[in-house]
Amino acid sequence: MIHHFCFFLLSFCEERERELWRQQADDWLAFYRSIRHPHRRREWLFFVILRGFNLSLLLARRLGRLP
């Protein structure tokens, strides 16, 4: 589900930004799969959700929906 949300946000970016974000999303997913300890996975997932929230705020500002 987070992956779909990231791709939704990417639809508002320019093509070169989109490729960079796709690569970063793939790197994050690979890193998540490499984590063995469940507690660390939860911490990492919280970080990614927080990062996605920050990105959505930046995107809203860029589109002129926030001051």
N, C-alpha and C. Protein backbone atom coordinates (compact mmCIF):
# COMPACT_ATOMS: atom_id res chain seq x y z
N MET A 1 0.82 -1.20 0.00
CA MET A 1 0.00 0.00 0.00
C MET A 1 0.87 1.26 0.00
N ILE A 2 1.92 1.26 0.77
CA ILE A 2 2.82 2.41 0.80
C ILE A 2 3.45 2.62 -0.57
N HIS A 3 3.77 1.52 -1.23
CA HIS A 3 4.37 1.60 -2.55
C HIS A 3 3.43 2.32 -3.52
N HIS A 4 2.12 2.01 -3.45
CA HIS A 4 1.14 2.66 -4.32
C HIS A 4 1.03 4.15 -4.00
N PHE A 5 1.08 4.50 -2.73
CA PHE A 5 1.02 5.90 -2.33
C PHE A 5 2.22 6.67 -2.88
N CYS A 6 3.40 6.04 -2.82
CA CYS A 6 4.60 6.68 -3.36
C CYS A 6 4.46 6.93 -4.86
N PHE A 7 3.91 5.95 -5.58
CA PHE A 7 3.75 6.14 -7.02
C PHE A 7 2.69 7.19 -7.32
N PHE A 8 1.69 7.33 -6.46
CA PHE A 8 0.71 8.42 -6.63
C PHE A 8 1.41 9.77 -6.50
N LEU A 9 2.26 9.91 -5.49
CA LEU A 9 3.00 11.16 -5.32
C LEU A 9 3.93 11.42 -6.50
N LEU A 10 4.49 10.35 -7.04
CA LEU A 10 5.40 10.50 -8.17
C LEU A 10 4.71 11.04 -9.41
N SER A 11 3.41 10.83 -9.51
CA SER A 11 2.70 11.29 -10.71
C SER A 11 2.70 12.81 -10.82
N PHE A 12 3.00 13.52 -9.74
CA PHE A 12 3.04 14.98 -9.76
C PHE A 12 4.44 15.53 -10.03
N CYS A 13 5.43 14.66 -10.07
CA CYS A 13 6.82 15.10 -10.24
C CYS A 13 7.20 15.14 -11.72
N GLU A 14 8.28 15.85 -11.99
CA GLU A 14 8.84 15.85 -13.34
C GLU A 14 9.51 14.50 -13.59
N GLU A 15 9.76 14.19 -14.86
CA GLU A 15 10.27 12.87 -15.24
C GLU A 15 11.60 12.53 -14.55
N ARG A 16 12.55 13.46 -14.52
CA ARG A 16 13.86 13.13 -13.92
C ARG A 16 13.73 12.94 -12.41
N GLU A 17 12.85 13.73 -11.75
CA GLU A 17 12.61 13.54 -10.32
C GLU A 17 11.95 12.19 -10.08
N ARG A 18 11.04 11.84 -10.97
CA ARG A 18 10.31 10.58 -10.84
C ARG A 18 11.26 9.39 -10.85
N GLU A 19 12.26 9.40 -11.73
CA GLU A 19 13.21 8.29 -11.79
C GLU A 19 14.05 8.21 -10.50
N LEU A 20 14.44 9.35 -9.97
CA LEU A 20 15.20 9.35 -8.72
C LEU A 20 14.38 8.79 -7.57
N TRP A 21 13.10 9.20 -7.48
CA TRP A 21 12.24 8.71 -6.40
C TRP A 21 11.94 7.23 -6.56
N ARG A 22 11.78 6.77 -7.80
CA ARG A 22 11.56 5.33 -8.02
C ARG A 22 12.76 4.53 -7.53
N GLN A 23 13.95 5.00 -7.86
CA GLN A 23 15.16 4.31 -7.43
C GLN A 23 15.25 4.30 -5.90
N GLN A 24 14.92 5.42 -5.28
CA GLN A 24 14.98 5.47 -3.82
C GLN A 24 13.93 4.54 -3.20
N ALA A 25 12.74 4.48 -3.78
CA ALA A 25 11.71 3.58 -3.27
C ALA A 25 12.15 2.13 -3.39
N ASP A 26 12.78 1.77 -4.50
CA ASP A 26 13.29 0.41 -4.66
C ASP A 26 14.38 0.10 -3.64
N ASP A 27 15.24 1.09 -3.38
CA ASP A 27 16.29 0.90 -2.37
C ASP A 27 15.70 0.71 -0.98
N TRP A 28 14.67 1.52 -0.65
CA TRP A 28 14.01 1.38 0.65
C TRP A 28 13.37 0.01 0.80
N LEU A 29 12.72 -0.46 -0.25
CA LEU A 29 12.06 -1.76 -0.20
C LEU A 29 13.08 -2.88 -0.03
N ALA A 30 14.19 -2.80 -0.74
CA ALA A 30 15.24 -3.80 -0.60
C ALA A 30 15.82 -3.79 0.82
N PHE A 31 16.01 -2.60 1.37
CA PHE A 31 16.54 -2.50 2.73
C PHE A 31 15.55 -3.10 3.73
N TYR A 32 14.25 -2.80 3.56
CA TYR A 32 13.23 -3.34 4.45
C TYR A 32 13.25 -4.86 4.43
N ARG A 33 13.37 -5.43 3.27
CA ARG A 33 13.39 -6.89 3.15
C ARG A 33 14.63 -7.50 3.77
N SER A 34 15.71 -6.71 3.88
CA SER A 34 16.95 -7.23 4.45
C SER A 34 16.94 -7.22 5.98
N ILE A 35 16.00 -6.49 6.59
CA ILE A 35 15.94 -6.41 8.06
C ILE A 35 15.31 -7.68 8.61
N ARG A 36 15.98 -8.30 9.54
CA ARG A 36 15.50 -9.57 10.10
C ARG A 36 14.66 -9.39 11.37
N HIS A 37 15.03 -8.44 12.20
CA HIS A 37 14.38 -8.29 13.50
C HIS A 37 13.06 -7.53 13.35
N PRO A 38 11.92 -8.09 13.84
CA PRO A 38 10.60 -7.45 13.68
C PRO A 38 10.52 -6.05 14.28
N HIS A 39 11.18 -5.84 15.44
CA HIS A 39 11.13 -4.52 16.07
C HIS A 39 11.80 -3.48 15.18
N ARG A 40 12.91 -3.82 14.57
CA ARG A 40 13.61 -2.90 13.66
C ARG A 40 12.76 -2.62 12.42
N ARG A 41 12.03 -3.62 11.96
CA ARG A 41 11.16 -3.40 10.80
C ARG A 41 10.08 -2.38 11.12
N ARG A 42 9.51 -2.47 12.32
CA ARG A 42 8.48 -1.49 12.71
C ARG A 42 9.06 -0.09 12.78
N GLU A 43 10.26 0.05 13.35
CA GLU A 43 10.91 1.36 13.40
C GLU A 43 11.14 1.92 12.00
N TRP A 44 11.61 1.06 11.13
CA TRP A 44 11.89 1.48 9.76
C TRP A 44 10.61 1.89 9.04
N LEU A 45 9.54 1.12 9.23
CA LEU A 45 8.27 1.42 8.59
C LEU A 45 7.73 2.76 9.08
N PHE A 46 7.86 3.04 10.37
CA PHE A 46 7.44 4.34 10.91
C PHE A 46 8.22 5.47 10.24
N PHE A 47 9.53 5.28 10.07
CA PHE A 47 10.36 6.29 9.41
C PHE A 47 9.87 6.54 7.98
N VAL A 48 9.56 5.49 7.25
CA VAL A 48 9.12 5.64 5.85
C VAL A 48 7.77 6.35 5.79
N ILE A 49 6.85 6.02 6.69
CA ILE A 49 5.55 6.69 6.71
C ILE A 49 5.74 8.18 7.02
N LEU A 50 6.59 8.48 8.00
CA LEU A 50 6.87 9.87 8.33
C LEU A 50 7.50 10.60 7.15
N ARG A 51 8.41 9.96 6.47
CA ARG A 51 9.06 10.55 5.29
C ARG A 51 8.02 10.79 4.18
N GLY A 52 7.11 9.85 3.99
CA GLY A 52 6.06 10.02 2.99
C GLY A 52 5.15 11.19 3.32
N PHE A 53 4.85 11.36 4.61
CA PHE A 53 4.03 12.49 5.04
C PHE A 53 4.74 13.81 4.74
N ASN A 54 6.03 13.87 5.04
CA ASN A 54 6.81 15.08 4.74
C ASN A 54 6.84 15.37 3.25
N LEU A 55 6.99 14.32 2.45
CA LEU A 55 7.00 14.51 0.99
C LEU A 55 5.66 15.00 0.49
N SER A 56 4.57 14.50 1.07
CA SER A 56 3.25 14.95 0.62
C SER A 56 3.02 16.42 0.99
N LEU A 57 3.56 16.86 2.13
CA LEU A 57 3.47 18.29 2.48
C LEU A 57 4.26 19.15 1.50
N LEU A 58 5.46 18.69 1.16
CA LEU A 58 6.26 19.43 0.18
C LEU A 58 5.56 19.50 -1.17
N LEU A 59 4.95 18.39 -1.55
CA LEU A 59 4.23 18.36 -2.83
C LEU A 59 3.04 19.31 -2.80
N ALA A 60 2.31 19.34 -1.70
CA ALA A 60 1.16 20.24 -1.58
C ALA A 60 1.61 21.69 -1.67
N ARG A 61 2.74 22.01 -1.05
CA ARG A 61 3.27 23.38 -1.15
C ARG A 61 3.65 23.70 -2.59
N ARG A 62 4.26 22.73 -3.24
CA ARG A 62 4.69 22.94 -4.62
C ARG A 62 3.51 23.16 -5.55
N LEU A 63 2.42 22.49 -5.28
CA LEU A 63 1.23 22.64 -6.12
C LEU A 63 0.40 23.86 -5.72
N GLY A 64 0.82 24.56 -4.66
CA GLY A 64 0.13 25.78 -4.25
C GLY A 64 -1.07 25.54 -3.37
N ARG A 65 -1.17 24.36 -2.76
CA ARG A 65 -2.31 24.06 -1.90
C ARG A 65 -2.04 24.39 -0.44
N LEU A 66 -0.77 24.63 -0.12
CA LEU A 66 -0.40 25.05 1.24
C LEU A 66 0.47 26.30 1.13
N PRO A 67 0.42 27.16 2.15
CA PRO A 67 1.28 28.37 2.12
C PRO A 67 2.75 28.02 2.28
